């Protein structure tokens, strides 16, 4: 395998490979945000499960079970989102390696780099769709100030 001996080629290879790092930064930020949402979903589910366990057998707790079902769906969407973001990060990381090696060696890797970049962006877009679906479900669950007790009186 031939590696480029001159500094200009190596420098250009680094410049070429650094561009996708900005996408990696966005992915890392989004993983942090989505992981925070997952933590809140888990915390809320634990509270509901404790309420259900503490409720008397005569109380069917249908509202709590309904919310728990929605939380389970939201949790699946968030987990899928995190998985897609992880695959995106892997594709972009492999893209960076491919671009650098393609520029600094005699190996033709630019088609592979294109496929890896497009796969990474596709995973990112799918993750955004999961995030959108989860936030829509979370918003739909809100009562927006409607007091359910006041309606029953």
Protein backbone atom coordinates (compact mmCIF):
# COMPACT_ATOMS: atom_id res chain seq x y z
CA UNK A 1 0.00 0.00 0.00
CA UNK A 2 1.42 3.35 -1.03
CA UNK A 3 1.04 6.26 1.39
CA UNK A 4 1.46 9.81 0.15
CA UNK A 5 4.92 11.08 1.05
CA UNK A 6 4.22 14.80 0.70
CA UNK A 7 2.69 17.04 3.32
CA UNK A 8 0.28 18.77 0.90
CA UNK A 9 -1.52 15.52 0.08
CA UNK A 10 -1.81 14.55 3.73
CA UNK A 11 -3.04 18.05 4.61
CA UNK A 12 -5.64 17.91 1.85
CA UNK A 13 -6.70 14.46 3.04
CA UNK A 14 -7.23 15.79 6.55
CA UNK A 15 -9.22 18.77 5.24
CA UNK A 16 -11.38 16.46 3.14
CA UNK A 17 -11.97 14.08 6.03
CA UNK A 18 -12.78 16.82 8.57
CA UNK A 19 -15.88 18.08 6.75
CA UNK A 20 -18.10 15.15 7.90
CA UNK A 21 -17.01 15.79 11.49
CA UNK A 22 -19.56 18.60 11.62
CA UNK A 23 -22.31 16.05 11.01
CA UNK A 24 -20.83 13.90 13.77
CA UNK A 25 -21.12 16.89 16.10
CA UNK A 26 -24.80 17.27 15.23
CA UNK A 27 -25.36 13.55 15.78
CA UNK A 28 -23.67 13.66 19.18
CA UNK A 29 -25.83 16.60 20.24
CA UNK A 30 -28.96 14.87 19.07
CA UNK A 31 -28.05 11.63 20.88
CA UNK A 32 -27.67 13.65 24.08
CA UNK A 33 -31.03 15.31 23.59
CA UNK A 34 -32.86 12.09 22.73
CA UNK A 35 -31.20 10.23 25.62
CA UNK A 36 -32.54 12.93 27.93
CA UNK A 37 -36.03 12.34 26.57
CA UNK A 38 -35.62 8.60 27.13
CA UNK A 39 -34.61 9.21 30.74
CA UNK A 40 -37.73 11.32 31.30
CA UNK A 41 -39.94 8.66 29.69
CA UNK A 42 -38.44 5.98 31.95
CA UNK A 43 -38.86 8.15 35.06
CA UNK A 44 -42.51 8.84 34.23
CA UNK A 45 -43.17 5.14 33.55
CA UNK A 46 -41.67 4.21 36.93
CA UNK A 47 -43.97 6.69 38.68
CA UNK A 48 -47.00 5.24 36.89
CA UNK A 49 -45.96 1.67 37.65
CA UNK A 50 -45.60 2.55 41.34
CA UNK A 51 -49.09 4.11 41.31
CA UNK A 52 -50.55 1.05 39.64
CA UNK A 53 -48.86 -1.27 42.16
CA UNK A 54 -50.13 0.85 45.08
CA UNK A 55 -53.70 1.13 43.79
CA UNK A 56 -56.40 -1.03 45.33
CA UNK A 57 -57.60 -3.98 43.28
CA UNK A 58 -60.99 -2.30 42.85
CA UNK A 59 -59.39 0.60 40.88
CA UNK A 60 -58.80 -0.43 37.25
CA UNK A 61 -56.28 2.43 36.70
CA UNK A 62 -57.28 2.62 33.02
CA UNK A 63 -55.89 6.14 32.58
CA UNK A 64 -52.53 5.09 34.01
CA UNK A 65 -52.40 1.99 31.80
CA UNK A 66 -53.26 4.09 28.75
CA UNK A 67 -50.47 6.55 29.52
CA UNK A 68 -48.07 3.67 30.18
CA UNK A 69 -48.91 2.24 26.76
CA UNK A 70 -48.14 5.60 25.14
CA UNK A 71 -44.89 5.85 27.09
CA UNK A 72 -43.92 2.39 25.84
CA UNK A 73 -44.49 3.54 22.25
CA UNK A 74 -42.52 6.72 22.85
CA UNK A 75 -39.71 4.67 24.41
CA UNK A 76 -39.56 2.42 21.34
CA UNK A 77 -39.41 5.44 19.04
CA UNK A 78 -36.65 7.03 21.10
CA UNK A 79 -34.67 3.77 21.20
CA UNK A 80 -35.04 3.46 17.43
CA UNK A 81 -33.92 7.06 17.07
CA UNK A 82 -30.81 6.41 19.18
CA UNK A 83 -30.01 3.27 17.17
CA UNK A 84 -30.35 5.17 13.87
CA UNK A 85 -28.17 7.99 15.19
CA UNK A 86 -25.56 5.45 16.26
CA UNK A 87 -25.58 3.84 12.81
CA UNK A 88 -25.29 7.34 11.33
CA UNK A 89 -22.25 8.07 13.48
CA UNK A 90 -20.65 4.77 12.47
CA UNK A 91 -21.24 5.49 8.76
CA UNK A 92 -19.84 9.01 9.06
CA UNK A 93 -16.83 7.75 11.02
CA UNK A 94 -16.16 5.14 8.36
CA UNK A 95 -16.62 7.87 5.75
CA UNK A 96 -13.94 9.97 7.41
CA UNK A 97 -11.51 7.05 7.39
CA UNK A 98 -12.37 6.24 3.77
CA UNK A 99 -11.90 9.83 2.60
CA UNK A 100 -8.56 10.12 4.36
CA UNK A 101 -7.29 6.80 3.04
CA UNK A 102 -8.59 7.57 -0.45
CA UNK A 103 -6.68 10.83 -0.49
CA UNK A 104 -3.44 9.59 1.07
CA UNK A 105 -3.11 6.17 -0.60
CA UNK A 106 -3.43 4.81 -4.11
CA UNK A 107 -6.64 2.99 -3.19
CA UNK A 108 -9.72 4.33 -4.99
CA UNK A 109 -12.31 4.70 -2.24
CA UNK A 110 -14.39 7.68 -3.31
CA UNK A 111 -17.40 5.62 -4.40
CA UNK A 112 -17.39 3.88 -1.03
CA UNK A 113 -17.08 7.28 0.66
CA UNK A 114 -20.13 8.50 -1.26
CA UNK A 115 -22.18 5.47 -0.25
CA UNK A 116 -21.12 5.77 3.39
CA UNK A 117 -21.95 9.47 3.51
CA UNK A 118 -25.36 8.98 1.91
CA UNK A 119 -26.10 6.07 4.25
CA UNK A 120 -25.13 8.22 7.23
CA UNK A 121 -27.35 11.09 6.12
CA UNK A 122 -30.21 8.65 5.45
CA UNK A 123 -29.91 7.23 8.97
CA UNK A 124 -29.88 10.79 10.33
CA UNK A 125 -33.06 11.67 8.42
CA UNK A 126 -34.81 8.51 9.64
CA UNK A 127 -33.77 9.37 13.20
CA UNK A 128 -35.28 12.83 12.76
CA UNK A 129 -38.56 11.24 11.65
CA UNK A 130 -38.58 9.05 14.78
CA UNK A 131 -37.87 12.11 16.90
CA UNK A 132 -40.74 13.99 15.23
CA UNK A 133 -43.15 11.09 15.78
CA UNK A 134 -42.15 10.82 19.44
CA UNK A 135 -42.61 14.54 20.07
CA UNK A 136 -46.00 14.49 18.35
CA UNK A 137 -47.14 11.63 20.58
CA UNK A 138 -45.79 13.41 23.66
CA UNK A 139 -47.64 16.60 22.73
CA UNK A 140 -50.86 14.73 21.98
CA UNK A 141 -50.75 13.24 25.50
CA UNK A 142 -50.89 16.69 27.12
CA UNK A 143 -54.16 18.00 28.50
CA UNK A 144 -53.25 21.70 28.04
CA UNK A 145 -54.94 22.89 31.21
CA UNK A 146 -58.08 20.79 30.91
CA UNK A 147 -58.93 19.53 34.34
CA UNK A 148 -60.40 16.06 34.11
CA UNK A 149 -61.71 16.26 37.69
CA UNK A 150 -63.61 19.49 37.00
CA UNK A 151 -65.45 17.83 34.09
CA UNK A 152 -66.55 14.92 36.25
CA UNK A 153 -68.09 17.16 38.92
